[in-house]
Structures are given as structure tokens and as C-alpha cells.
Amino acid sequence: MKTNITKKSKKLEALLWSIALPGFSQLLNRNYIKGILFVGLEIIINVMGNFNTIIVLSFNLKIEEAIAQTNYLWLMFYPCLYFFAIWDAYKDAGGGEKPFAYLPLVFSAYFVTVGLIFSPTFTIFGNLIGPMWLPIMFLPIGLAVGGLLRWILLRIYTKEAREMK
């Protein structure tokens, strides 16, 4: 019988490996087809979107060059793949059993994609943020909106359940 700490450790391990590279957690859980599919999609989207180049340029604060290198039509697939792979890994590890638990990650995918879309023109104090940093800045907004929507839905359905008794 697994202890509570072992279950939490397995969920955290799944999350962290999936954050490192979508598909790794699925491979660890022996879901080889799904894992290879996620890793393969990650590599294809990464290469076609020039994501590694964008990362290097962004860390060196060469934002205009990063924008010029970005293939937005490919890179827009990345947030949904990334957050879905994380969610899938978490579920496979025994997480996500609470109602609407998926909403923060779903809205993270949406908002990170929106951040990517606006990244070539969005500025803060006249400075471009770019295709790596702006989506990252939109991540907490997605988590918050998804968390708030989850909270609202739980309140509505809990209230309805109480009224039906």
C-alpha cells in the first residue's frame, strides 16, 4: 500500500519530468506510445518554431532577433501540447481527481498562447518582451483565471447539490 507521501512524490515527479520535456513522464510510466508521440511532437514543434534559438536569444536579451526567428504558426501549437502533456502525466500519476482540477492548466495553455500571439508588438515601458518572456508572464494569469473559474464552478455545483437535498 502506497503512503500519502509516496503518492504526492509520484505526482510531483510526473509534473517535473513533464515540465522538463513533454513525454518523459509518460515514458517513465511505461506509456511508450503516448510518450514517444509527445516527445516527437515536442521536437517537431520546437524545431519548426525555432524555439531553442528563441530561448538562447531571449536569455541574451536579443528580443528583436528572437521575434525575427520565431515561426509563430508552428510555435502556437506548443503551449497546448506542453500543458496537455503535463496534465496527462499528472493524471497518470493519480492526480486530477478533484472536480475541475484541469481548468488552471487549460487556461494556462490559452493565456500562454495569447501571450505568444501578442509578443511581437507588446511592450512594457517601451521594451519588447518577446516570444519567450511574454508567454511566461501570461502563465500566472492563466493559472489565476483557471483557478478562479474552478472556484466559481465548485461553488455553483456545491450550492445546487445542497439545494437538491
Protein backbone atom coordinates (compact mmCIF):
# COMPACT_ATOMS: atom_id res chain seq x y z
CA MET A 1 0.00 0.00 0.00
CA LYS A 2 1.36 3.36 -1.02
CA THR A 3 1.69 6.03 1.60
CA ASN A 4 0.34 9.54 1.07
CA ILE A 5 3.87 10.93 0.75
CA THR A 6 4.70 8.32 -1.92
CA LYS A 7 1.60 9.31 -3.91
CA LYS A 8 2.49 13.01 -3.65
CA SER A 9 6.08 12.25 -4.65
CA LYS A 10 4.86 10.33 -7.73
CA LYS A 11 2.62 13.25 -8.77
CA LEU A 12 5.46 15.75 -8.30
CA GLU A 13 7.88 13.51 -10.21
CA ALA A 14 5.38 13.28 -13.10
CA LEU A 15 4.92 17.06 -13.16
CA LEU A 16 8.63 17.85 -13.05
CA TRP A 17 9.64 15.36 -15.75
CA SER A 18 6.82 16.59 -17.97
CA ILE A 19 7.87 20.20 -17.42
CA ALA A 20 11.43 19.21 -18.41
CA LEU A 21 10.22 17.63 -21.65
CA PRO A 22 6.71 16.62 -22.63
CA GLY A 23 6.57 12.84 -22.91
CA PHE A 24 9.30 11.99 -20.37
CA SER A 25 6.80 11.27 -17.62
CA GLN A 26 4.72 9.10 -19.94
CA LEU A 27 7.86 7.10 -20.82
CA LEU A 28 8.64 6.66 -17.11
CA ASN A 29 5.09 5.36 -16.59
CA ARG A 30 5.60 2.87 -19.43
CA ASN A 31 3.09 4.61 -21.70
CA TYR A 32 5.56 4.27 -24.56
CA ILE A 33 3.32 5.15 -27.50
CA LYS A 34 1.98 8.28 -25.80
CA GLY A 35 5.45 9.22 -24.53
CA ILE A 36 7.10 8.83 -27.93
CA LEU A 37 4.25 10.79 -29.52
CA PHE A 38 4.66 13.68 -27.05
CA VAL A 39 8.47 13.72 -27.38
CA GLY A 40 8.19 13.56 -31.17
CA LEU A 41 5.65 16.38 -31.32
CA GLU A 42 7.81 18.41 -28.92
CA ILE A 43 10.84 18.01 -31.18
CA ILE A 44 8.92 18.79 -34.38
CA ILE A 45 7.24 21.90 -32.97
CA ASN A 46 10.46 23.01 -31.28
CA VAL A 47 12.49 22.71 -34.50
CA MET A 48 9.83 24.14 -36.82
CA GLY A 49 9.08 27.04 -34.44
CA ASN A 50 12.82 27.73 -33.84
CA PHE A 51 12.15 27.54 -30.11
CA ASN A 52 15.68 26.72 -28.93
CA THR A 53 17.05 29.65 -30.94
CA ILE A 54 14.37 31.88 -29.41
CA ILE A 55 15.33 30.73 -25.92
CA VAL A 56 19.03 31.47 -26.44
CA LEU A 57 18.34 34.87 -27.99
CA SER A 58 15.83 35.76 -25.25
CA PHE A 59 18.24 34.89 -22.45
CA ASN A 60 20.79 37.13 -24.15
CA LEU A 61 18.14 39.89 -24.33
CA LYS A 62 18.20 39.93 -28.14
CA ILE A 63 14.42 40.22 -28.27
CA GLU A 64 14.11 41.68 -31.78
CA GLU A 65 16.25 38.83 -33.14
CA ALA A 66 14.16 36.29 -31.21
CA ILE A 67 10.99 37.75 -32.73
CA ALA A 68 12.53 37.58 -36.21
CA GLN A 69 13.44 33.91 -35.70
CA THR A 70 10.01 32.88 -34.40
CA ASN A 71 7.76 30.81 -36.61
CA TYR A 72 4.51 31.74 -34.90
CA LEU A 73 2.36 29.37 -36.96
CA TRP A 74 4.30 26.41 -35.56
CA LEU A 75 5.08 27.74 -32.10
CA MET A 76 1.41 28.41 -31.32
CA PHE A 77 0.93 24.63 -31.03
CA TYR A 78 3.50 24.45 -28.25
CA PRO A 79 1.53 25.76 -25.22
CA CYS A 80 -1.37 23.35 -25.73
CA LEU A 81 0.94 20.37 -26.26
CA TYR A 82 3.05 21.37 -23.27
CA PHE A 83 0.22 21.85 -20.78
CA PHE A 84 -1.74 18.83 -22.04
CA ALA A 85 1.32 16.61 -21.60
CA ILE A 86 1.75 17.96 -18.05
CA TRP A 87 -1.92 17.32 -17.27
CA ASP A 88 -1.77 13.83 -18.77
CA ALA A 89 1.33 13.00 -16.73
CA TYR A 90 -0.29 14.29 -13.55
CA LYS A 91 -3.46 12.26 -14.18
CA ASP A 92 -1.45 9.10 -14.90
CA ALA A 93 0.32 9.61 -11.57
CA GLY A 94 -3.03 9.64 -9.74
CA GLY A 95 -3.70 13.36 -9.68
CA GLY A 96 -6.54 15.40 -11.08
CA GLU A 97 -9.29 13.55 -9.28
CA LYS A 98 -10.90 16.68 -7.84
CA PRO A 99 -13.67 18.31 -9.90
CA PHE A 100 -12.49 20.86 -12.48
CA ALA A 101 -8.84 20.33 -11.48
CA TYR A 102 -7.84 20.64 -15.14
CA LEU A 103 -9.04 24.25 -15.50
CA PRO A 104 -5.85 26.04 -14.33
CA LEU A 105 -3.73 24.14 -16.87
CA VAL A 106 -6.25 24.58 -19.68
CA PHE A 107 -6.39 28.32 -19.11
CA SER A 108 -2.60 28.42 -18.82
CA ALA A 109 -2.40 26.95 -22.32
CA TYR A 110 -4.87 29.57 -23.59
CA PHE A 111 -3.15 32.54 -21.97
CA VAL A 112 0.39 31.44 -22.88
CA THR A 113 -0.81 31.15 -26.49
CA VAL A 114 -2.31 34.66 -26.29
CA GLY A 115 0.99 35.93 -24.85
CA LEU A 116 2.81 34.38 -27.79
CA ILE A 117 0.42 35.98 -30.28
CA PHE A 118 0.99 39.46 -28.85
CA SER A 119 4.72 39.02 -28.24
CA PRO A 120 5.99 40.73 -31.41
CA THR A 121 4.26 44.02 -30.52
CA PHE A 122 3.59 44.05 -26.75
CA THR A 123 5.87 46.38 -24.83
CA ILE A 124 6.35 47.31 -21.20
CA PHE A 125 7.83 50.77 -20.70
CA GLY A 126 8.70 50.79 -24.40
CA ASN A 127 10.57 47.47 -24.28
CA LEU A 128 9.55 44.43 -26.28
CA ILE A 129 9.15 41.37 -24.06
CA GLY A 130 9.39 38.81 -26.84
CA PRO A 131 8.16 35.32 -27.74
CA MET A 132 9.62 33.59 -24.71
CA TRP A 133 9.21 36.04 -21.83
CA LEU A 134 5.72 37.41 -22.61
CA PRO A 135 4.08 33.95 -22.72
CA ILE A 136 5.80 33.15 -19.41
CA MET A 137 4.38 36.38 -17.97
CA PHE A 138 0.90 35.35 -19.13
CA LEU A 139 1.18 31.95 -17.36
CA PRO A 140 0.20 33.20 -13.87
CA ILE A 141 -2.80 34.97 -15.42
CA GLY A 142 -3.95 31.69 -16.96
CA LEU A 143 -3.42 29.83 -13.69
CA ALA A 144 -5.38 32.50 -11.81
CA VAL A 145 -8.27 32.64 -14.30
CA GLY A 146 -8.50 28.85 -14.39
CA GLY A 147 -8.33 28.67 -10.60
CA LEU A 148 -10.99 31.35 -10.22
CA LEU A 149 -13.29 29.65 -12.73
CA ARG A 150 -12.77 26.34 -10.91
CA TRP A 151 -13.65 28.01 -7.59
CA ILE A 152 -16.80 29.58 -9.09
CA LEU A 153 -17.95 26.30 -10.66
CA LEU A 154 -17.35 24.39 -7.43
CA ARG A 155 -19.43 26.97 -5.55
CA ILE A 156 -22.27 26.78 -8.10
CA TYR A 157 -22.40 22.99 -8.21
CA THR A 158 -21.99 22.61 -4.45
CA LYS A 159 -24.86 25.05 -3.91
CA GLU A 160 -27.03 23.19 -6.43
CA ALA A 161 -26.25 19.86 -4.73
CA ARG A 162 -27.24 21.29 -1.34
CA GLU A 163 -30.49 22.71 -2.72
CA MET A 164 -31.46 19.36 -4.25
CA LYS A 165 -31.30 17.59 -0.87
